C-alpha atoms as a PDB file:
ATOM      1  CA  MET A   1       0.000   0.000   0.000  1.00  0.00           C
ATOM      2  CA  ILE A   2       1.314   3.446  -0.934  1.00  0.00           C
ATOM      3  CA  TYR A   3       0.647   6.177   1.601  1.00  0.00           C
ATOM      4  CA  ARG A   4       0.454   9.742   0.319  1.00  0.00           C
ATOM      5  CA  PHE A   5       0.549  12.462   2.880  1.00  0.00           C
ATOM      6  CA  LEU A   6       1.156  16.151   3.439  1.00  0.00           C
ATOM      7  CA  GLU A   7       4.368  16.740   5.403  1.00  0.00           C
ATOM      8  CA  ASP A   8       4.398  19.713   7.771  1.00  0.00           C
ATOM      9  CA  ALA A   9       8.025  20.825   7.524  1.00  0.00           C
ATOM     10  CA  ALA A  10       7.267  24.442   8.461  1.00  0.00           C
ATOM     11  CA  GLU A  11      10.344  24.888  10.666  1.00  0.00           C
ATOM     12  CA  ALA A  12      12.536  22.136   9.237  1.00  0.00           C
ATOM     13  CA  LEU A  13      14.065  23.744   6.146  1.00  0.00           C
ATOM     14  CA  GLY A  14      17.733  22.735   6.044  1.00  0.00           C
ATOM     15  CA  SER A  15      17.172  19.653   8.235  1.00  0.00           C
ATOM     16  CA  THR A  16      17.517  16.051   7.061  1.00  0.00           C
ATOM     17  CA  TYR A  17      16.609  12.553   8.217  1.00  0.00           C
ATOM     18  CA  LYS A  18      18.879   9.739   7.030  1.00  0.00           C
ATOM     19  CA  GLY A  19      20.260  12.127   4.434  1.00  0.00           C
ATOM     20  CA  LYS A  20      16.849  13.029   2.991  1.00  0.00           C
ATOM     21  CA  ALA A  21      15.689  16.644   3.173  1.00  0.00           C
ATOM     22  CA  CYS A  22      12.735  17.420   5.402  1.00  0.00           C
ATOM     23  CA  GLY A  23       9.794  18.525   3.311  1.00  0.00           C
ATOM     24  CA  THR A  24      10.369  15.804   0.699  1.00  0.00           C
ATOM     25  CA  PHE A  25       9.012  12.742   2.523  1.00  0.00           C
ATOM     26  CA  GLY A  26       5.350  13.214   1.651  1.00  0.00           C
ATOM     27  CA  ARG A  27       3.608  13.699  -1.648  1.00  0.00           C
ATOM     28  CA  PHE A  28       3.589  17.346  -0.623  1.00  0.00           C
ATOM     29  CA  GLY A  29       5.757  19.268   1.835  1.00  0.00           C
ATOM     30  CA  VAL A  30       4.898  22.567   3.449  1.00  0.00           C
ATOM     31  CA  LEU A  31       7.556  25.137   4.437  1.00  0.00           C
ATOM     32  CA  SER A  32       7.060  28.349   6.403  1.00  0.00           C
ATOM     33  CA  PHE A  33       8.790  31.628   5.603  1.00  0.00           C
ATOM     34  CA  ASN A  34       7.300  33.494   8.547  1.00  0.00           C
ATOM     35  CA  GLY A  35       9.440  36.223  10.090  1.00  0.00           C
ATOM     36  CA  ASN A  36      10.758  33.984  12.878  1.00  0.00           C
ATOM     37  CA  LYS A  37      11.882  31.106  10.645  1.00  0.00           C
ATOM     38  CA  ILE A  38      15.425  30.269   9.604  1.00  0.00           C
ATOM     39  CA  ILE A  39      14.923  32.204   6.356  1.00  0.00           C
ATOM     40  CA  THR A  40      11.988  34.495   5.698  1.00  0.00           C
ATOM     41  CA  THR A  41      10.014  36.346   3.054  1.00  0.00           C
ATOM     42  CA  SER A  42       8.292  38.249   5.909  1.00  0.00           C
ATOM     43  CA  GLY A  43       5.376  35.829   5.668  1.00  0.00           C
ATOM     44  CA  GLY A  44       3.875  33.035   3.608  1.00  0.00           C
ATOM     45  CA  GLY A  45       5.561  29.786   2.715  1.00  0.00           C
ATOM     46  CA  ALA A  46       6.104  27.217   0.000  1.00  0.00           C
ATOM     47  CA  LEU A  47       4.611  23.945  -1.170  1.00  0.00           C
ATOM     48  CA  VAL A  48       7.084  21.236  -2.202  1.00  0.00           C
ATOM     49  CA  CYS A  49       5.821  18.986  -5.019  1.00  0.00           C
ATOM     50  CA  HIS A  50       7.301  15.864  -6.617  1.00  0.00           C
ATOM     51  CA  SER A  51       5.575  16.085  -9.979  1.00  0.00           C
ATOM     52  CA  GLN A  52       4.730  18.731 -12.538  1.00  0.00           C
ATOM     53  CA  GLU A  53       1.105  17.583 -12.423  1.00  0.00           C
ATOM     54  CA  ASP A  54       0.848  18.219  -8.679  1.00  0.00           C
ATOM     55  CA  LYS A  55       2.570  21.586  -9.027  1.00  0.00           C
ATOM     56  CA  ASP A  56       0.247  22.696 -11.825  1.00  0.00           C
ATOM     57  CA  LYS A  57      -2.826  21.684  -9.808  1.00  0.00           C
ATOM     58  CA  ALA A  58      -1.554  23.504  -6.706  1.00  0.00           C
ATOM     59  CA  VAL A  59      -0.825  26.668  -8.686  1.00  0.00           C
ATOM     60  CA  PHE A  60      -4.257  26.440 -10.307  1.00  0.00           C
ATOM     61  CA  LEU A  61      -6.066  26.183  -6.953  1.00  0.00           C
ATOM     62  CA  SER A  62      -3.941  28.876  -5.326  1.00  0.00           C
ATOM     63  CA  THR A  63      -4.564  31.389  -8.103  1.00  0.00           C
ATOM     64  CA  GLN A  64      -8.366  31.436  -7.861  1.00  0.00           C
ATOM     65  CA  ALA A  65      -8.847  28.289  -9.997  1.00  0.00           C
ATOM     66  CA  ARG A  66      -9.496  30.381 -13.058  1.00  0.00           C
ATOM     67  CA  ASP A  67     -10.380  28.342 -16.151  1.00  0.00           C
ATOM     68  CA  ASP A  68      -8.464  28.770 -19.399  1.00  0.00           C
ATOM     69  CA  ALA A  69     -10.818  31.333 -20.878  1.00  0.00           C
ATOM     70  CA  PRO A  70     -10.564  34.990 -21.966  1.00  0.00           C
ATOM     71  CA  HIS A  71     -13.049  35.922 -19.224  1.00  0.00           C
ATOM     72  CA  TYR A  72     -13.212  35.041 -15.537  1.00  0.00           C
ATOM     73  CA  GLN A  73     -14.725  31.562 -15.384  1.00  0.00           C
ATOM     74  CA  HIS A  74     -14.495  29.054 -12.552  1.00  0.00           C
ATOM     75  CA  SER A  75     -15.362  25.354 -12.662  1.00  0.00           C
ATOM     76  CA  HIS A  76     -13.623  24.683  -9.332  1.00  0.00           C
ATOM     77  CA  ILE A  77     -13.365  26.508  -6.028  1.00  0.00           C
ATOM     78  CA  GLY A  78     -10.009  28.245  -5.787  1.00  0.00           C
ATOM     79  CA  TYR A  79      -8.218  30.596  -3.418  1.00  0.00           C
ATOM     80  CA  ASN A  80      -5.958  33.606  -3.578  1.00  0.00           C
ATOM     81  CA  TYR A  81      -2.878  32.170  -1.890  1.00  0.00           C
ATOM     82  CA  ARG A  82      -0.265  33.736  -4.099  1.00  0.00           C
ATOM     83  CA  MET A  83       2.939  35.142  -2.703  1.00  0.00           C
ATOM     84  CA  SER A  84       3.757  38.560  -4.097  1.00  0.00           C
ATOM     85  CA  ASN A  85       6.643  38.893  -6.527  1.00  0.00           C
ATOM     86  CA  ILE A  86       8.467  41.108  -4.037  1.00  0.00           C
ATOM     87  CA  CYS A  87       8.233  38.499  -1.264  1.00  0.00           C
ATOM     88  CA  ALA A  88       9.235  35.743  -3.687  1.00  0.00           C
ATOM     89  CA  GLY A  89      12.285  37.759  -4.717  1.00  0.00           C
ATOM     90  CA  ILE A  90      13.284  38.174  -1.087  1.00  0.00           C
ATOM     91  CA  GLY A  91      12.839  34.436  -0.584  1.00  0.00           C
ATOM     92  CA  ARG A  92      15.060  33.537  -3.519  1.00  0.00           C
ATOM     93  CA  GLY A  93      17.775  35.765  -2.100  1.00  0.00           C
ATOM     94  CA  GLN A  94      17.364  34.183   1.337  1.00  0.00           C
ATOM     95  CA  MET A  95      17.825  30.699  -0.140  1.00  0.00           C
ATOM     96  CA  GLU A  96      21.396  31.653  -0.966  1.00  0.00           C
ATOM     97  CA  VAL A  97      22.208  32.116   2.741  1.00  0.00           C
ATOM     98  CA  LEU A  98      20.317  29.060   4.039  1.00  0.00           C
ATOM     99  CA  ALA A  99      23.467  27.018   4.695  1.00  0.00           C
ATOM    100  CA  HIS A 100      24.988  29.888   6.667  1.00  0.00           C
ATOM    101  CA  ARG A 101      21.814  30.280   8.733  1.00  0.00           C
ATOM    102  CA  VAL A 102      21.723  26.566   9.533  1.00  0.00           C
ATOM    103  CA  GLU A 103      25.376  26.642  10.560  1.00  0.00           C
ATOM    104  CA  ALA A 104      24.761  29.629  12.845  1.00  0.00           C
ATOM    105  CA  ARG A 105      21.724  28.022  14.525  1.00  0.00           C
ATOM    106  CA  ARG A 106      23.564  24.756  15.063  1.00  0.00           C
ATOM    107  CA  ALA A 107      26.431  26.705  16.622  1.00  0.00           C
ATOM    108  CA  MET A 108      23.966  28.279  19.077  1.00  0.00           C
ATOM    109  CA  THR A 109      22.779  24.845  20.168  1.00  0.00           C
ATOM    110  CA  ASP A 110      26.395  23.753  20.702  1.00  0.00           C
ATOM    111  CA  PHE A 111      26.857  26.914  22.750  1.00  0.00           C
ATOM    112  CA  TYR A 112      23.973  25.944  25.041  1.00  0.00           C
ATOM    113  CA  VAL A 113      25.099  22.323  25.286  1.00  0.00           C
ATOM    114  CA  ASN A 114      28.468  23.518  26.597  1.00  0.00           C
ATOM    115  CA  LEU A 115      26.910  26.186  28.798  1.00  0.00           C
ATOM    116  CA  PHE A 116      24.516  23.816  30.563  1.00  0.00           C
ATOM    117  CA  SER A 117      26.875  20.822  30.718  1.00  0.00           C
ATOM    118  CA  SER A 118      27.576  21.499  34.399  1.00  0.00           C
ATOM    119  CA  CYS A 119      23.972  22.361  35.316  1.00  0.00           C
ATOM    120  CA  PRO A 120      22.137  19.350  36.772  1.00  0.00           C
ATOM    121  CA  GLY A 121      18.553  18.896  35.722  1.00  0.00           C
ATOM    122  CA  VAL A 122      18.880  20.922  32.496  1.00  0.00           C
ATOM    123  CA  LYS A 123      18.598  19.148  29.159  1.00  0.00           C
ATOM    124  CA  VAL A 124      19.219  20.804  25.795  1.00  0.00           C
ATOM    125  CA  PHE A 125      17.218  19.499  22.838  1.00  0.00           C
ATOM    126  CA  ILE A 126      19.621  17.803  20.413  1.00  0.00           C
ATOM    127  CA  GLU A 127      19.340  15.145  17.703  1.00  0.00           C
ATOM    128  CA  PRO A 128      18.421  11.723  19.138  1.00  0.00           C
ATOM    129  CA  SER A 129      20.779   9.894  16.746  1.00  0.00           C
ATOM    130  CA  GLU A 130      23.078  10.336  13.761  1.00  0.00           C
ATOM    131  CA  ASP A 131      20.101   9.724  11.470  1.00  0.00           C
ATOM    132  CA  PHE A 132      19.010  13.280  12.190  1.00  0.00           C
ATOM    133  CA  TYR A 133      20.582  16.544  11.050  1.00  0.00           C
ATOM    134  CA  SER A 134      18.650  19.438  12.584  1.00  0.00           C
ATOM    135  CA  ASN A 135      18.694  23.057  11.503  1.00  0.00           C
ATOM    136  CA  HIS A 136      18.207  23.859  15.227  1.00  0.00           C
ATOM    137  CA  TRP A 137      15.893  26.661  14.189  1.00  0.00           C
ATOM    138  CA  LEU A 138      15.041  27.044  17.866  1.00  0.00           C
ATOM    139  CA  ALA A 139      17.216  26.311  20.904  1.00  0.00           C
ATOM    140  CA  ALA A 140      15.188  24.872  23.769  1.00  0.00           C
ATOM    141  CA  ILE A 141      15.791  23.223  27.119  1.00  0.00           C
ATOM    142  CA  THR A 142      13.822  21.359  29.754  1.00  0.00           C
ATOM    143  CA  ILE A 143      14.398  21.929  33.463  1.00  0.00           C
ATOM    144  CA  GLU A 144      13.761  19.377  36.206  1.00  0.00           C
ATOM    145  CA  PRO A 145      13.102  21.712  39.185  1.00  0.00           C
ATOM    146  CA  ILE A 146      14.221  19.337  41.945  1.00  0.00           C
ATOM    147  CA  GLU A 147      17.554  18.558  40.283  1.00  0.00           C
ATOM    148  CA  ALA A 148      18.197  22.056  38.946  1.00  0.00           C
ATOM    149  CA  GLY A 149      17.008  23.919  42.033  1.00  0.00           C
ATOM    150  CA  ILE A 150      15.066  26.303  39.794  1.00  0.00           C
ATOM    151  CA  THR A 151      11.879  26.144  37.739  1.00  0.00           C
ATOM    152  CA  ARG A 152      11.411  27.056  34.126  1.00  0.00           C
ATOM    153  CA  GLU A 153       9.502  30.174  35.112  1.00  0.00           C
ATOM    154  CA  GLU A 154      12.091  31.243  37.659  1.00  0.00           C
ATOM    155  CA  LEU A 155      14.821  30.990  35.032  1.00  0.00           C
ATOM    156  CA  ARG A 156      12.728  32.923  32.529  1.00  0.00           C
ATOM    157  CA  LEU A 157      12.141  35.757  34.991  1.00  0.00           C
ATOM    158  CA  ALA A 158      15.795  35.758  36.042  1.00  0.00           C
ATOM    159  CA  LEU A 159      16.916  36.131  32.430  1.00  0.00           C
ATOM    160  CA  LEU A 160      14.383  38.907  31.961  1.00  0.00           C
ATOM    161  CA  GLU A 161      16.150  40.871  34.697  1.00  0.00           C
ATOM    162  CA  PHE A 162      19.204  40.800  32.434  1.00  0.00           C
ATOM    163  CA  ASN A 163      16.992  42.016  29.566  1.00  0.00           C
ATOM    164  CA  ILE A 164      17.283  38.593  27.888  1.00  0.00           C
ATOM    165  CA  GLU A 165      14.032  37.297  26.449  1.00  0.00           C
ATOM    166  CA  SER A 166      13.097  33.639  26.673  1.00  0.00           C
ATOM    167  CA  ARG A 167       9.733  31.937  26.319  1.00  0.00           C
ATOM    168  CA  PRO A 168       8.018  28.788  27.561  1.00  0.00           C
ATOM    169  CA  LEU A 169       7.572  25.986  25.069  1.00  0.00           C
ATOM    170  CA  TRP A 170       4.252  26.099  23.233  1.00  0.00           C
ATOM    171  CA  LYS A 171       1.138  25.766  25.347  1.00  0.00           C
ATOM    172  CA  PRO A 172      -0.773  22.630  24.268  1.00  0.00           C
ATOM    173  CA  MET A 173      -3.940  23.231  22.264  1.00  0.00           C
ATOM    174  CA  HIS A 174      -6.129  21.422  24.789  1.00  0.00           C
ATOM    175  CA  LEU A 175      -5.028  23.893  27.481  1.00  0.00           C
ATOM    176  CA  GLN A 176      -5.964  26.936  25.426  1.00  0.00           C
ATOM    177  CA  PRO A 177      -9.045  28.762  26.808  1.00  0.00           C
ATOM    178  CA  VAL A 178     -10.757  28.648  23.421  1.00  0.00           C
ATOM    179  CA  PHE A 179     -10.694  24.826  23.524  1.00  0.00           C
ATOM    180  CA  GLU A 180     -11.373  24.269  27.235  1.00  0.00           C
ATOM    181  CA  GLU A 181     -14.712  22.589  26.497  1.00  0.00           C
ATOM    182  CA  THR A 182     -13.300  20.431  23.691  1.00  0.00           C
ATOM    183  CA  PRO A 183     -12.681  16.682  24.247  1.00  0.00           C
ATOM    184  CA  TYR A 184      -9.014  15.773  24.593  1.00  0.00           C
ATOM    185  CA  TYR A 185      -7.375  12.378  24.110  1.00  0.00           C
ATOM    186  CA  GLY A 186      -3.815  11.637  25.124  1.00  0.00           C
ATOM    187  CA  SER A 187      -1.312  11.670  27.950  1.00  0.00           C
ATOM    188  CA  ASN A 188       0.356  14.612  29.708  1.00  0.00           C
ATOM    189  CA  ILE A 189       3.573  14.706  27.663  1.00  0.00           C
ATOM    190  CA  ALA A 190       2.763  18.049  26.021  1.00  0.00           C
ATOM    191  CA  GLU A 191       1.715  19.518  29.381  1.00  0.00           C
ATOM    192  CA  ASP A 192       4.953  18.353  30.985  1.00  0.00           C
ATOM    193  CA  LEU A 193       7.044  19.927  28.222  1.00  0.00           C
ATOM    194  CA  PHE A 194       5.117  23.181  28.595  1.00  0.00           C
ATOM    195  CA  ASP A 195       5.704  23.200  32.361  1.00  0.00           C
ATOM    196  CA  LYS A 196       9.426  22.443  32.121  1.00  0.00           C
ATOM    197  CA  GLY A 197      10.470  23.716  28.680  1.00  0.00           C
ATOM    198  CA  LEU A 198      12.050  27.038  27.790  1.00  0.00           C
ATOM    199  CA  CYS A 199      12.977  28.524  24.400  1.00  0.00           C
ATOM    200  CA  LEU A 200      16.239  30.474  24.506  1.00  0.00           C
ATOM    201  CA  PRO A 201      17.713  33.158  22.218  1.00  0.00           C
ATOM    202  CA  SER A 202      18.791  31.378  19.048  1.00  0.00           C
ATOM    203  CA  GLY A 203      18.881  33.910  16.222  1.00  0.00           C
ATOM    204  CA  SER A 204      21.334  33.473  13.376  1.00  0.00           C
ATOM    205  CA  ASN A 205      22.614  37.011  13.931  1.00  0.00           C
ATOM    206  CA  LEU A 206      23.518  36.772  17.627  1.00  0.00           C
ATOM    207  CA  THR A 207      26.938  38.310  18.229  1.00  0.00           C
ATOM    208  CA  ASP A 208      29.798  37.073  20.401  1.00  0.00           C
ATOM    209  CA  GLU A 209      29.076  39.954  22.774  1.00  0.00           C
ATOM    210  CA  GLU A 210      25.465  38.829  23.127  1.00  0.00           C
ATOM    211  CA  ARG A 211      26.522  35.229  23.727  1.00  0.00           C
ATOM    212  CA  ILE A 212      28.837  36.389  26.483  1.00  0.00           C
ATOM    213  CA  ARG A 213      25.957  38.294  28.060  1.00  0.00           C
ATOM    214  CA  ILE A 214      23.731  35.186  27.931  1.00  0.00           C
ATOM    215  CA  LYS A 215      26.524  33.042  29.379  1.00  0.00           C
ATOM    216  CA  THR A 216      27.180  35.499  32.192  1.00  0.00           C
ATOM    217  CA  ALA A 217      23.512  35.735  33.096  1.00  0.00           C
ATOM    218  CA  ILE A 218      22.934  31.961  33.185  1.00  0.00           C
ATOM    219  CA  GLU A 219      26.110  31.327  35.175  1.00  0.00           C
ATOM    220  CA  GLN A 220      25.017  33.915  37.739  1.00  0.00           C
ATOM    221  CA  VAL A 221      21.553  32.387  38.005  1.00  0.00           C
ATOM    222  CA  PHE A 222      22.844  28.860  38.562  1.00  0.00           C
ATOM    223  CA  SER A 223      25.645  29.940  40.886  1.00  0.00           C
ATOM    224  CA  LYS A 224      22.946  30.959  43.363  1.00  0.00           C
END
């Protein structure tokens, strides 16, 4: 049986699994070029296709599904999902620096691995095996309060005193107020990650001076 699926690779551009690029595993792959991604067009994204037929159909549906006629005629429901030429031009230019951005993000993760190596109870998210090559778009940690002697929220507030922004990992959908009456099925893994997880500064343009400031702040927090 052949399974055809849509792969959400929104944040995975530049990452691979067993040497295969993320975004190419499904019949379609979806990439995000939002402002916080590893490269950006200021918004929008891209659809990765494996065949000319799929590409032509996607372009047709995303450009209002207009029939081949001299007037506006529609035999299918379409949408206006086109990226502007200006944004597309920015994106093409950004593609040329993708490798550099990936290298910079991976270096930030290595920085945090070294920084937290002597901090009990703190775990930096890294690849689980050599099969994975991550773009490390986002550097994140989990904190076990008993071992670390500090909670995720206490560390976040402490960094804020140094004017260093960090954020909790994403709040699970079933905990969002808008879905509080919605049935939920599953365990508490997402809740646990939200309670203990923290996203740290990981931009591709962080300077050595800024890294020193982050290092100094974290060392002072954990020295207490």
